[in-house]
Amino acid sequence: MARQLKESVLRFTAYKAIKDKIIYLDLKPGEKILESEIAESLSVSRTPVREALLMLENEKLVECNGSMGFIVRKFSAREIDEYFAVRKVIEEFVMSLVLQRITEPELKTLRENIQEAERHVEAGDIRNIIRYESEFHELLYRAAKSEVLFETISGLTDKFRWLRAIALNARGGARQSITQHKKILTAIEKKDFKKLRALVRTHLTDAQKKLSGAQSLLFWGSIKNAH
Protein backbone atom coordinates (compact mmCIF):
# COMPACT_ATOMS: atom_id res chain seq x y z
CA MET A 1 0.00 0.00 0.00
CA ALA A 2 2.80 2.41 0.96
CA ARG A 3 4.63 1.58 -2.28
CA GLN A 4 1.53 2.23 -4.38
CA LEU A 5 1.01 5.56 -2.61
CA LYS A 6 4.62 6.55 -3.25
CA GLU A 7 4.32 5.62 -6.94
CA SER A 8 1.11 7.63 -7.21
CA VAL A 9 2.75 10.69 -5.63
CA LEU A 10 5.76 10.46 -7.95
CA ARG A 11 3.53 10.06 -11.00
CA PHE A 12 1.42 13.09 -10.02
CA THR A 13 4.54 15.16 -9.31
CA ALA A 14 5.87 14.39 -12.79
CA TYR A 15 2.46 14.99 -14.36
CA LYS A 16 2.10 18.41 -12.73
CA ALA A 17 5.66 19.45 -13.55
CA ILE A 18 5.37 18.54 -17.24
CA LYS A 19 1.91 20.09 -17.57
CA ASP A 20 3.17 23.35 -16.06
CA LYS A 21 6.10 23.39 -18.47
CA ILE A 22 3.68 22.99 -21.39
CA ILE A 23 1.09 25.52 -20.23
CA TYR A 24 3.69 28.14 -19.28
CA LEU A 25 5.57 27.51 -22.56
CA ASP A 26 8.81 26.23 -21.08
CA LEU A 27 8.05 23.37 -23.47
CA LYS A 28 6.65 24.74 -26.71
CA PRO A 29 4.32 23.21 -29.33
CA GLY A 30 6.25 20.69 -31.41
CA GLU A 31 9.14 20.45 -28.94
CA LYS A 32 10.54 17.03 -27.99
CA ILE A 33 10.09 16.08 -24.32
CA LEU A 34 13.31 14.64 -22.91
CA GLU A 35 12.20 12.07 -20.34
CA SER A 36 15.68 11.61 -18.89
CA GLU A 37 16.12 15.36 -18.26
CA ILE A 38 12.73 15.65 -16.57
CA ALA A 39 13.41 12.56 -14.44
CA GLU A 40 16.77 13.99 -13.37
CA SER A 41 15.32 17.42 -12.58
CA LEU A 42 12.67 15.81 -10.36
CA SER A 43 15.05 13.22 -8.87
CA VAL A 44 12.79 10.37 -9.95
CA SER A 45 13.15 7.38 -12.27
CA ARG A 46 11.86 7.50 -15.83
CA THR A 47 8.89 5.28 -14.95
CA PRO A 48 6.70 7.96 -13.30
CA VAL A 49 7.71 10.39 -16.06
CA ARG A 50 6.57 7.94 -18.73
CA GLU A 51 3.31 7.30 -16.85
CA ALA A 52 2.74 11.06 -16.55
CA LEU A 53 3.30 11.49 -20.29
CA LEU A 54 0.71 8.81 -21.02
CA MET A 55 -1.77 10.74 -18.84
CA LEU A 56 -0.97 13.95 -20.72
CA GLU A 57 -1.31 12.15 -24.03
CA ASN A 58 -4.81 11.17 -22.97
CA GLU A 59 -5.53 14.85 -22.29
CA LYS A 60 -4.20 15.72 -25.77
CA LEU A 61 -1.41 17.91 -24.44
CA VAL A 62 1.35 15.66 -25.76
CA GLU A 63 1.62 13.04 -28.46
CA CYS A 64 3.94 10.14 -29.21
CA ASN A 65 5.64 10.77 -32.54
CA GLY A 66 7.26 7.44 -33.44
CA SER A 67 11.04 7.42 -33.07
CA MET A 68 11.05 10.98 -31.68
CA GLY A 69 9.17 9.87 -28.61
CA PHE A 70 6.84 12.29 -26.89
CA ILE A 71 6.44 15.85 -28.17
CA VAL A 72 4.22 18.74 -27.14
CA ARG A 73 1.14 18.76 -29.35
CA LYS A 74 0.77 21.42 -32.03
CA PHE A 75 -2.48 23.24 -32.66
CA SER A 76 -4.26 23.26 -35.99
CA ALA A 77 -6.08 26.39 -37.16
CA ARG A 78 -9.33 24.43 -37.01
CA GLU A 79 -8.73 23.43 -33.38
CA ILE A 80 -8.08 27.04 -32.41
CA ASP A 81 -11.27 28.20 -34.13
CA GLU A 82 -13.30 25.52 -32.38
CA TYR A 83 -11.81 26.17 -28.93
CA PHE A 84 -12.63 29.87 -29.25
CA ALA A 85 -16.13 29.14 -30.54
CA VAL A 86 -16.75 27.01 -27.46
CA ARG A 87 -15.21 29.63 -25.20
CA LYS A 88 -17.41 32.40 -26.57
CA VAL A 89 -20.53 30.40 -25.74
CA ILE A 90 -19.23 29.51 -22.27
CA GLU A 91 -18.11 33.05 -21.41
CA GLU A 92 -21.45 34.58 -22.38
CA PHE A 93 -23.25 32.04 -20.20
CA VAL A 94 -20.82 32.73 -17.35
CA MET A 95 -21.33 36.49 -17.51
CA SER A 96 -25.09 36.18 -17.35
CA LEU A 97 -24.72 34.22 -14.10
CA VAL A 98 -21.95 36.42 -12.70
CA LEU A 99 -24.12 39.54 -12.89
CA GLN A 100 -26.75 37.76 -10.80
CA ARG A 101 -24.51 36.00 -8.30
CA ILE A 102 -21.20 37.79 -7.77
CA THR A 103 -20.52 39.13 -4.28
CA GLU A 104 -18.59 42.19 -3.12
CA PRO A 105 -15.72 40.07 -1.72
CA GLU A 106 -15.43 38.41 -5.13
CA LEU A 107 -15.32 41.81 -6.84
CA LYS A 108 -12.57 42.84 -4.43
CA THR A 109 -10.58 39.72 -5.34
CA LEU A 110 -10.94 40.55 -9.05
CA ARG A 111 -9.64 44.08 -8.44
CA GLU A 112 -6.65 42.68 -6.56
CA ASN A 113 -6.03 40.21 -9.36
CA ILE A 114 -5.80 43.03 -11.91
CA GLN A 115 -3.40 44.96 -9.68
CA GLU A 116 -1.14 41.92 -9.37
CA ALA A 117 -1.28 41.27 -13.12
CA GLU A 118 -0.26 44.88 -13.82
CA ARG A 119 2.65 44.58 -11.41
CA HIS A 120 3.96 41.49 -13.19
CA VAL A 121 3.54 43.08 -16.62
CA GLU A 122 5.74 45.96 -15.47
CA ALA A 123 8.29 43.42 -14.23
CA GLY A 124 8.10 41.42 -17.47
CA ASP A 125 7.34 38.24 -15.49
CA ILE A 126 5.56 36.19 -18.18
CA ARG A 127 4.90 33.18 -15.94
CA ASN A 128 2.99 35.28 -13.39
CA ILE A 129 1.31 37.29 -16.14
CA ILE A 130 -0.15 34.05 -17.48
CA ARG A 131 -1.03 32.94 -13.95
CA TYR A 132 -2.98 36.07 -13.02
CA GLU A 133 -4.59 36.51 -16.43
CA SER A 134 -5.88 32.94 -16.24
CA GLU A 135 -6.95 33.38 -12.63
CA PHE A 136 -9.12 36.36 -13.62
CA HIS A 137 -11.29 34.12 -15.79
CA GLU A 138 -11.26 31.31 -13.26
CA LEU A 139 -12.47 33.72 -10.56
CA LEU A 140 -15.38 34.64 -12.83
CA TYR A 141 -16.19 30.96 -13.38
CA ARG A 142 -16.32 30.45 -9.62
CA ALA A 143 -18.41 33.59 -9.15
CA ALA A 144 -21.02 32.08 -11.48
CA LYS A 145 -21.60 29.42 -8.79
CA SER A 146 -22.70 26.72 -11.22
CA GLU A 147 -21.75 23.07 -10.72
CA VAL A 148 -22.93 22.31 -14.26
CA LEU A 149 -20.55 24.94 -15.61
CA PHE A 150 -17.57 23.48 -13.74
CA GLU A 151 -18.47 19.99 -14.92
CA THR A 152 -18.67 21.25 -18.50
CA ILE A 153 -15.36 23.14 -18.59
CA SER A 154 -13.27 20.87 -16.34
CA GLY A 155 -11.57 19.25 -19.33
CA LEU A 156 -11.05 22.54 -21.18
CA THR A 157 -9.48 24.92 -18.68
CA ASP A 158 -5.91 23.73 -19.33
CA LYS A 159 -6.37 24.17 -23.08
CA PHE A 160 -7.80 27.66 -22.53
CA ARG A 161 -4.82 28.56 -20.33
CA TRP A 162 -2.38 27.17 -22.88
CA LEU A 163 -3.89 29.18 -25.74
CA ARG A 164 -4.01 32.25 -23.52
CA ALA A 165 -0.30 31.88 -22.74
CA ILE A 166 0.58 31.95 -26.44
CA ALA A 167 -1.64 34.99 -27.05
CA LEU A 168 -0.12 36.82 -24.08
CA ASN A 169 3.34 36.27 -25.53
CA ALA A 170 2.39 38.23 -28.65
CA ARG A 171 3.60 41.81 -28.73
CA GLY A 172 1.33 44.00 -26.62
CA GLY A 173 -0.85 41.01 -25.73
CA ALA A 174 -0.52 41.23 -21.95
CA ARG A 175 -1.14 44.99 -21.69
CA GLN A 176 -4.13 44.81 -24.01
CA SER A 177 -5.61 41.93 -22.05
CA ILE A 178 -5.31 43.74 -18.69
CA THR A 179 -6.93 46.87 -20.13
CA GLN A 180 -9.83 44.72 -21.31
CA HIS A 181 -10.08 42.97 -17.93
CA LYS A 182 -10.47 46.38 -16.28
CA LYS A 183 -13.32 47.27 -18.63
CA ILE A 184 -14.98 43.89 -18.07
CA LEU A 185 -14.80 44.38 -14.31
CA THR A 186 -16.32 47.88 -14.60
CA ALA A 187 -19.22 46.50 -16.66
CA ILE A 188 -19.79 43.80 -14.02
CA GLU A 189 -19.80 46.39 -11.23
CA LYS A 190 -22.37 48.43 -13.18
CA LYS A 191 -24.35 45.27 -14.02
CA ASP A 192 -24.39 46.32 -17.66
CA PHE A 193 -24.88 43.00 -19.49
CA LYS A 194 -25.04 44.50 -22.98
CA LYS A 195 -21.71 46.26 -22.50
CA LEU A 196 -20.23 43.22 -20.75
CA ARG A 197 -21.17 40.86 -23.57
CA ALA A 198 -19.61 43.18 -26.15
CA LEU A 199 -16.40 43.52 -24.11
CA VAL A 200 -16.05 39.76 -23.63
CA ARG A 201 -16.57 39.15 -27.35
CA THR A 202 -13.90 41.74 -28.18
CA HIS A 203 -11.55 40.25 -25.58
CA LEU A 204 -11.83 36.77 -27.11
CA THR A 205 -11.69 38.01 -30.70
CA ASP A 206 -8.50 39.97 -29.99
CA ALA A 207 -6.92 36.94 -28.30
CA GLN A 208 -7.80 34.78 -31.29
CA LYS A 209 -6.25 37.35 -33.64
CA LYS A 210 -3.06 37.24 -31.58
CA LEU A 211 -2.98 33.48 -32.04
CA SER A 212 -3.69 33.74 -35.76
CA GLY A 213 -0.75 36.10 -36.06
CA ALA A 214 1.49 33.69 -34.16
CA GLN A 215 1.41 30.64 -36.38
CA SER A 216 5.16 30.21 -36.03
CA LEU A 217 4.70 30.02 -32.27
CA LEU A 218 2.06 27.36 -32.62
CA PHE A 219 3.78 25.22 -35.21
CA TRP A 220 7.50 25.91 -34.84
CA GLY A 221 7.83 26.75 -31.16
CA SER A 222 9.56 30.13 -31.51
CA ILE A 223 8.42 32.18 -28.51
CA LYS A 224 9.53 35.73 -27.79
CA ASN A 225 8.66 37.47 -24.55
CA ALA A 226 7.19 40.62 -26.06
CA HIS A 227 4.71 42.35 -23.77
C-alpha atoms as a PDB file:
ATOM      1  CA  MET A   1       0.000   0.000   0.000  1.00  0.00           C
ATOM      2  CA  ALA A   2       2.797   2.407   0.955  1.00  0.00           C
ATOM      3  CA  ARG A   3       4.632   1.577  -2.276  1.00  0.00           C
ATOM      4  CA  GLN A   4       1.527   2.234  -4.376  1.00  0.00           C
ATOM      5  CA  LEU A   5       1.009   5.557  -2.610  1.00  0.00           C
ATOM      6  CA  LYS A   6       4.616   6.554  -3.249  1.00  0.00           C
ATOM      7  CA  GLU A   7       4.323   5.623  -6.941  1.00  0.00           C
ATOM      8  CA  SER A   8       1.108   7.630  -7.210  1.00  0.00           C
ATOM      9  CA  VAL A   9       2.751  10.690  -5.628  1.00  0.00           C
ATOM     10  CA  LEU A  10       5.765  10.459  -7.950  1.00  0.00           C
ATOM     11  CA  ARG A  11       3.525  10.063 -11.003  1.00  0.00           C
ATOM     12  CA  PHE A  12       1.421  13.094 -10.020  1.00  0.00           C
ATOM     13  CA  THR A  13       4.544  15.156  -9.309  1.00  0.00           C
ATOM     14  CA  ALA A  14       5.874  14.389 -12.790  1.00  0.00           C
ATOM     15  CA  TYR A  15       2.462  14.992 -14.363  1.00  0.00           C
ATOM     16  CA  LYS A  16       2.099  18.409 -12.728  1.00  0.00           C
ATOM     17  CA  ALA A  17       5.662  19.451 -13.554  1.00  0.00           C
ATOM     18  CA  ILE A  18       5.371  18.539 -17.235  1.00  0.00           C
ATOM     19  CA  LYS A  19       1.915  20.092 -17.569  1.00  0.00           C
ATOM     20  CA  ASP A  20       3.167  23.351 -16.063  1.00  0.00           C
ATOM     21  CA  LYS A  21       6.103  23.389 -18.475  1.00  0.00           C
ATOM     22  CA  ILE A  22       3.676  22.992 -21.390  1.00  0.00           C
ATOM     23  CA  ILE A  23       1.086  25.519 -20.230  1.00  0.00           C
ATOM     24  CA  TYR A  24       3.690  28.139 -19.279  1.00  0.00           C
ATOM     25  CA  LEU A  25       5.566  27.507 -22.560  1.00  0.00           C
ATOM     26  CA  ASP A  26       8.810  26.234 -21.080  1.00  0.00           C
ATOM     27  CA  LEU A  27       8.055  23.373 -23.466  1.00  0.00           C
ATOM     28  CA  LYS A  28       6.646  24.740 -26.714  1.00  0.00           C
ATOM     29  CA  PRO A  29       4.325  23.205 -29.325  1.00  0.00           C
ATOM     30  CA  GLY A  30       6.247  20.689 -31.406  1.00  0.00           C
ATOM     31  CA  GLU A  31       9.138  20.446 -28.940  1.00  0.00           C
ATOM     32  CA  LYS A  32      10.535  17.033 -27.988  1.00  0.00           C
ATOM     33  CA  ILE A  33      10.093  16.085 -24.322  1.00  0.00           C
ATOM     34  CA  LEU A  34      13.310  14.636 -22.906  1.00  0.00           C
ATOM     35  CA  GLU A  35      12.202  12.072 -20.343  1.00  0.00           C
ATOM     36  CA  SER A  36      15.678  11.615 -18.889  1.00  0.00           C
ATOM     37  CA  GLU A  37      16.117  15.362 -18.264  1.00  0.00           C
ATOM     38  CA  ILE A  38      12.726  15.649 -16.568  1.00  0.00           C
ATOM     39  CA  ALA A  39      13.412  12.563 -14.444  1.00  0.00           C
ATOM     40  CA  GLU A  40      16.774  13.994 -13.374  1.00  0.00           C
ATOM     41  CA  SER A  41      15.321  17.419 -12.576  1.00  0.00           C
ATOM     42  CA  LEU A  42      12.670  15.815 -10.355  1.00  0.00           C
ATOM     43  CA  SER A  43      15.047  13.222  -8.870  1.00  0.00           C
ATOM     44  CA  VAL A  44      12.793  10.365  -9.949  1.00  0.00           C
ATOM     45  CA  SER A  45      13.154   7.378 -12.265  1.00  0.00           C
ATOM     46  CA  ARG A  46      11.862   7.502 -15.832  1.00  0.00           C
ATOM     47  CA  THR A  47       8.889   5.276 -14.952  1.00  0.00           C
ATOM     48  CA  PRO A  48       6.698   7.960 -13.298  1.00  0.00           C
ATOM     49  CA  VAL A  49       7.705  10.392 -16.056  1.00  0.00           C
ATOM     50  CA  ARG A  50       6.570   7.940 -18.734  1.00  0.00           C
ATOM     51  CA  GLU A  51       3.305   7.297 -16.846  1.00  0.00           C
ATOM     52  CA  ALA A  52       2.739  11.061 -16.553  1.00  0.00           C
ATOM     53  CA  LEU A  53       3.301  11.486 -20.286  1.00  0.00           C
ATOM     54  CA  LEU A  54       0.710   8.811 -21.017  1.00  0.00           C
ATOM     55  CA  MET A  55      -1.768  10.741 -18.845  1.00  0.00           C
ATOM     56  CA  LEU A  56      -0.973  13.952 -20.722  1.00  0.00           C
ATOM     57  CA  GLU A  57      -1.310  12.152 -24.033  1.00  0.00           C
ATOM     58  CA  ASN A  58      -4.809  11.166 -22.974  1.00  0.00           C
ATOM     59  CA  GLU A  59      -5.527  14.849 -22.289  1.00  0.00           C
ATOM     60  CA  LYS A  60      -4.198  15.715 -25.770  1.00  0.00           C
ATOM     61  CA  LEU A  61      -1.411  17.912 -24.436  1.00  0.00           C
ATOM     62  CA  VAL A  62       1.352  15.657 -25.761  1.00  0.00           C
ATOM     63  CA  GLU A  63       1.621  13.039 -28.460  1.00  0.00           C
ATOM     64  CA  CYS A  64       3.937  10.144 -29.210  1.00  0.00           C
ATOM     65  CA  ASN A  65       5.643  10.769 -32.540  1.00  0.00           C
ATOM     66  CA  GLY A  66       7.260   7.442 -33.442  1.00  0.00           C
ATOM     67  CA  SER A  67      11.038   7.424 -33.070  1.00  0.00           C
ATOM     68  CA  MET A  68      11.045  10.976 -31.683  1.00  0.00           C
ATOM     69  CA  GLY A  69       9.172   9.868 -28.612  1.00  0.00           C
ATOM     70  CA  PHE A  70       6.837  12.292 -26.894  1.00  0.00           C
ATOM     71  CA  ILE A  71       6.437  15.852 -28.172  1.00  0.00           C
ATOM     72  CA  VAL A  72       4.217  18.739 -27.139  1.00  0.00           C
ATOM     73  CA  ARG A  73       1.143  18.762 -29.349  1.00  0.00           C
ATOM     74  CA  LYS A  74       0.775  21.417 -32.028  1.00  0.00           C
ATOM     75  CA  PHE A  75      -2.483  23.239 -32.658  1.00  0.00           C
ATOM     76  CA  SER A  76      -4.257  23.265 -35.986  1.00  0.00           C
ATOM     77  CA  ALA A  77      -6.078  26.389 -37.157  1.00  0.00           C
ATOM     78  CA  ARG A  78      -9.327  24.430 -37.008  1.00  0.00           C
ATOM     79  CA  GLU A  79      -8.734  23.429 -33.378  1.00  0.00           C
ATOM     80  CA  ILE A  80      -8.075  27.043 -32.413  1.00  0.00           C
ATOM     81  CA  ASP A  81     -11.270  28.203 -34.129  1.00  0.00           C
ATOM     82  CA  GLU A  82     -13.304  25.522 -32.377  1.00  0.00           C
ATOM     83  CA  TYR A  83     -11.812  26.169 -28.931  1.00  0.00           C
ATOM     84  CA  PHE A  84     -12.630  29.867 -29.251  1.00  0.00           C
ATOM     85  CA  ALA A  85     -16.126  29.140 -30.542  1.00  0.00           C
ATOM     86  CA  VAL A  86     -16.748  27.006 -27.461  1.00  0.00           C
ATOM     87  CA  ARG A  87     -15.214  29.630 -25.197  1.00  0.00           C
ATOM     88  CA  LYS A  88     -17.413  32.401 -26.566  1.00  0.00           C
ATOM     89  CA  VAL A  89     -20.527  30.401 -25.740  1.00  0.00           C
ATOM     90  CA  ILE A  90     -19.231  29.515 -22.266  1.00  0.00           C
ATOM     91  CA  GLU A  91     -18.112  33.051 -21.411  1.00  0.00           C
ATOM     92  CA  GLU A  92     -21.447  34.576 -22.382  1.00  0.00           C
ATOM     93  CA  PHE A  93     -23.254  32.040 -20.197  1.00  0.00           C
ATOM     94  CA  VAL A  94     -20.817  32.728 -17.353  1.00  0.00           C
ATOM     95  CA  MET A  95     -21.326  36.492 -17.513  1.00  0.00           C
ATOM     96  CA  SER A  96     -25.091  36.179 -17.351  1.00  0.00           C
ATOM     97  CA  LEU A  97     -24.717  34.217 -14.102  1.00  0.00           C
ATOM     98  CA  VAL A  98     -21.949  36.418 -12.703  1.00  0.00           C
ATOM     99  CA  LEU A  99     -24.125  39.545 -12.893  1.00  0.00           C
ATOM    100  CA  GLN A 100     -26.751  37.762 -10.804  1.00  0.00           C
ATOM    101  CA  ARG A 101     -24.507  36.004  -8.298  1.00  0.00           C
ATOM    102  CA  ILE A 102     -21.195  37.790  -7.768  1.00  0.00           C
ATOM    103  CA  THR A 103     -20.524  39.135  -4.279  1.00  0.00           C
ATOM    104  CA  GLU A 104     -18.595  42.189  -3.115  1.00  0.00           C
ATOM    105  CA  PRO A 105     -15.723  40.073  -1.724  1.00  0.00           C
ATOM    106  CA  GLU A 106     -15.430  38.412  -5.128  1.00  0.00           C
ATOM    107  CA  LEU A 107     -15.317  41.811  -6.840  1.00  0.00           C
ATOM    108  CA  LYS A 108     -12.572  42.837  -4.427  1.00  0.00           C
ATOM    109  CA  THR A 109     -10.581  39.719  -5.343  1.00  0.00           C
ATOM    110  CA  LEU A 110     -10.940  40.549  -9.049  1.00  0.00           C
ATOM    111  CA  ARG A 111      -9.644  44.083  -8.438  1.00  0.00           C
ATOM    112  CA  GLU A 112      -6.651  42.675  -6.556  1.00  0.00           C
ATOM    113  CA  ASN A 113      -6.034  40.205  -9.363  1.00  0.00           C
ATOM    114  CA  ILE A 114      -5.797  43.032 -11.914  1.00  0.00           C
ATOM    115  CA  GLN A 115      -3.399  44.961  -9.682  1.00  0.00           C
ATOM    116  CA  GLU A 116      -1.141  41.923  -9.370  1.00  0.00           C
ATOM    117  CA  ALA A 117      -1.279  41.266 -13.118  1.00  0.00           C
ATOM    118  CA  GLU A 118      -0.259  44.879 -13.817  1.00  0.00           C
ATOM    119  CA  ARG A 119       2.654  44.579 -11.413  1.00  0.00           C
ATOM    120  CA  HIS A 120       3.957  41.487 -13.189  1.00  0.00           C
ATOM    121  CA  VAL A 121       3.535  43.076 -16.624  1.00  0.00           C
ATOM    122  CA  GLU A 122       5.742  45.957 -15.474  1.00  0.00           C
ATOM    123  CA  ALA A 123       8.294  43.417 -14.233  1.00  0.00           C
ATOM    124  CA  GLY A 124       8.100  41.420 -17.473  1.00  0.00           C
ATOM    125  CA  ASP A 125       7.344  38.239 -15.494  1.00  0.00           C
ATOM    126  CA  ILE A 126       5.555  36.194 -18.180  1.00  0.00           C
ATOM    127  CA  ARG A 127       4.895  33.184 -15.942  1.00  0.00           C
ATOM    128  CA  ASN A 128       2.986  35.277 -13.391  1.00  0.00           C
ATOM    129  CA  ILE A 129       1.310  37.291 -16.141  1.00  0.00           C
ATOM    130  CA  ILE A 130      -0.154  34.047 -17.481  1.00  0.00           C
ATOM    131  CA  ARG A 131      -1.034  32.940 -13.955  1.00  0.00           C
ATOM    132  CA  TYR A 132      -2.982  36.069 -13.021  1.00  0.00           C
ATOM    133  CA  GLU A 133      -4.587  36.514 -16.433  1.00  0.00           C
ATOM    134  CA  SER A 134      -5.884  32.944 -16.236  1.00  0.00           C
ATOM    135  CA  GLU A 135      -6.947  33.384 -12.631  1.00  0.00           C
ATOM    136  CA  PHE A 136      -9.121  36.359 -13.624  1.00  0.00           C
ATOM    137  CA  HIS A 137     -11.288  34.118 -15.793  1.00  0.00           C
ATOM    138  CA  GLU A 138     -11.264  31.306 -13.256  1.00  0.00           C
ATOM    139  CA  LEU A 139     -12.471  33.721 -10.560  1.00  0.00           C
ATOM    140  CA  LEU A 140     -15.381  34.637 -12.826  1.00  0.00           C
ATOM    141  CA  TYR A 141     -16.186  30.960 -13.385  1.00  0.00           C
ATOM    142  CA  ARG A 142     -16.317  30.452  -9.621  1.00  0.00           C
ATOM    143  CA  ALA A 143     -18.408  33.594  -9.152  1.00  0.00           C
ATOM    144  CA  ALA A 144     -21.023  32.077 -11.481  1.00  0.00           C
ATOM    145  CA  LYS A 145     -21.599  29.416  -8.789  1.00  0.00           C
ATOM    146  CA  SER A 146     -22.699  26.719 -11.221  1.00  0.00           C
ATOM    147  CA  GLU A 147     -21.752  23.068 -10.719  1.00  0.00           C
ATOM    148  CA  VAL A 148     -22.934  22.307 -14.256  1.00  0.00           C
ATOM    149  CA  LEU A 149     -20.551  24.941 -15.613  1.00  0.00           C
ATOM    150  CA  PHE A 150     -17.573  23.480 -13.742  1.00  0.00           C
ATOM    151  CA  GLU A 151     -18.469  19.993 -14.922  1.00  0.00           C
ATOM    152  CA  THR A 152     -18.666  21.247 -18.505  1.00  0.00           C
ATOM    153  CA  ILE A 153     -15.365  23.139 -18.586  1.00  0.00           C
ATOM    154  CA  SER A 154     -13.268  20.866 -16.344  1.00  0.00           C
ATOM    155  CA  GLY A 155     -11.575  19.251 -19.332  1.00  0.00           C
ATOM    156  CA  LEU A 156     -11.051  22.535 -21.175  1.00  0.00           C
ATOM    157  CA  THR A 157      -9.477  24.919 -18.676  1.00  0.00           C
ATOM    158  CA  ASP A 158      -5.909  23.725 -19.328  1.00  0.00           C
ATOM    159  CA  LYS A 159      -6.365  24.172 -23.084  1.00  0.00           C
ATOM    160  CA  PHE A 160      -7.797  27.656 -22.526  1.00  0.00           C
ATOM    161  CA  ARG A 161      -4.820  28.561 -20.328  1.00  0.00           C
ATOM    162  CA  TRP A 162      -2.381  27.174 -22.884  1.00  0.00           C
ATOM    163  CA  LEU A 163      -3.889  29.182 -25.743  1.00  0.00           C
ATOM    164  CA  ARG A 164      -4.008  32.251 -23.518  1.00  0.00           C
ATOM    165  CA  ALA A 165      -0.305  31.877 -22.742  1.00  0.00           C
ATOM    166  CA  ILE A 166       0.576  31.949 -26.439  1.00  0.00           C
ATOM    167  CA  ALA A 167      -1.643  34.994 -27.049  1.00  0.00           C
ATOM    168  CA  LEU A 168      -0.122  36.821 -24.079  1.00  0.00           C
ATOM    169  CA  ASN A 169       3.344  36.273 -25.532  1.00  0.00           C
ATOM    170  CA  ALA A 170       2.387  38.226 -28.646  1.00  0.00           C
ATOM    171  CA  ARG A 171       3.601  41.812 -28.729  1.00  0.00           C
ATOM    172  CA  GLY A 172       1.327  43.995 -26.616  1.00  0.00           C
ATOM    173  CA  GLY A 173      -0.846  41.007 -25.728  1.00  0.00           C
ATOM    174  CA  ALA A 174      -0.519  41.234 -21.951  1.00  0.00           C
ATOM    175  CA  ARG A 175      -1.142  44.985 -21.692  1.00  0.00           C
ATOM    176  CA  GLN A 176      -4.129  44.812 -24.015  1.00  0.00           C
ATOM    177  CA  SER A 177      -5.611  41.935 -22.048  1.00  0.00           C
ATOM    178  CA  ILE A 178      -5.311  43.740 -18.689  1.00  0.00           C
ATOM    179  CA  THR A 179      -6.930  46.866 -20.133  1.00  0.00           C
ATOM    180  CA  GLN A 180      -9.827  44.722 -21.310  1.00  0.00           C
ATOM    181  CA  HIS A 181     -10.084  42.969 -17.931  1.00  0.00           C
ATOM    182  CA  LYS A 182     -10.474  46.381 -16.276  1.00  0.00           C
ATOM    183  CA  LYS A 183     -13.323  47.268 -18.632  1.00  0.00           C
ATOM    184  CA  ILE A 184     -14.984  43.893 -18.072  1.00  0.00           C
ATOM    185  CA  LEU A 185     -14.802  44.385 -14.311  1.00  0.00           C
ATOM    186  CA  THR A 186     -16.321  47.878 -14.599  1.00  0.00           C
ATOM    187  CA  ALA A 187     -19.217  46.499 -16.655  1.00  0.00           C
ATOM    188  CA  ILE A 188     -19.793  43.800 -14.021  1.00  0.00           C
ATOM    189  CA  GLU A 189     -19.802  46.390 -11.232  1.00  0.00           C
ATOM    190  CA  LYS A 190     -22.369  48.435 -13.178  1.00  0.00           C
ATOM    191  CA  LYS A 191     -24.355  45.268 -14.016  1.00  0.00           C
ATOM    192  CA  ASP A 192     -24.392  46.316 -17.665  1.00  0.00           C
ATOM    193  CA  PHE A 193     -24.883  42.999 -19.485  1.00  0.00           C
ATOM    194  CA  LYS A 194     -25.043  44.500 -22.982  1.00  0.00           C
ATOM    195  CA  LYS A 195     -21.708  46.257 -22.502  1.00  0.00           C
ATOM    196  CA  LEU A 196     -20.231  43.225 -20.748  1.00  0.00           C
ATOM    197  CA  ARG A 197     -21.171  40.858 -23.567  1.00  0.00           C
ATOM    198  CA  ALA A 198     -19.605  43.180 -26.152  1.00  0.00           C
ATOM    199  CA  LEU A 199     -16.403  43.519 -24.106  1.00  0.00           C
ATOM    200  CA  VAL A 200     -16.048  39.763 -23.633  1.00  0.00           C
ATOM    201  CA  ARG A 201     -16.566  39.151 -27.354  1.00  0.00           C
ATOM    202  CA  THR A 202     -13.896  41.745 -28.181  1.00  0.00           C
ATOM    203  CA  HIS A 203     -11.550  40.252 -25.581  1.00  0.00           C
ATOM    204  CA  LEU A 204     -11.826  36.772 -27.109  1.00  0.00           C
ATOM    205  CA  THR A 205     -11.689  38.009 -30.699  1.00  0.00           C
ATOM    206  CA  ASP A 206      -8.503  39.970 -29.993  1.00  0.00           C
ATOM    207  CA  ALA A 207      -6.918  36.945 -28.300  1.00  0.00           C
ATOM    208  CA  GLN A 208      -7.796  34.779 -31.292  1.00  0.00           C
ATOM    209  CA  LYS A 209      -6.245  37.345 -33.644  1.00  0.00           C
ATOM    210  CA  LYS A 210      -3.058  37.244 -31.578  1.00  0.00           C
ATOM    211  CA  LEU A 211      -2.983  33.484 -32.043  1.00  0.00           C
ATOM    212  CA  SER A 212      -3.688  33.743 -35.762  1.00  0.00           C
ATOM    213  CA  GLY A 213      -0.746  36.104 -36.057  1.00  0.00           C
ATOM    214  CA  ALA A 214       1.493  33.692 -34.159  1.00  0.00           C
ATOM    215  CA  GLN A 215       1.413  30.640 -36.385  1.00  0.00           C
ATOM    216  CA  SER A 216       5.164  30.212 -36.028  1.00  0.00           C
ATOM    217  CA  LEU A 217       4.702  30.024 -32.268  1.00  0.00           C
ATOM    218  CA  LEU A 218       2.057  27.362 -32.623  1.00  0.00           C
ATOM    219  CA  PHE A 219       3.783  25.224 -35.207  1.00  0.00           C
ATOM    220  CA  TRP A 220       7.497  25.909 -34.843  1.00  0.00           C
ATOM    221  CA  GLY A 221       7.831  26.750 -31.163  1.00  0.00           C
ATOM    222  CA  SER A 222       9.562  30.132 -31.508  1.00  0.00           C
ATOM    223  CA  ILE A 223       8.423  32.178 -28.508  1.00  0.00           C
ATOM    224  CA  LYS A 224       9.529  35.725 -27.794  1.00  0.00           C
ATOM    225  CA  ASN A 225       8.658  37.473 -24.550  1.00  0.00           C
ATOM    226  CA  ALA A 226       7.194  40.625 -26.061  1.00  0.00           C
ATOM    227  CA  HIS A 227       4.708  42.352 -23.774  1.00  0.00           C
END
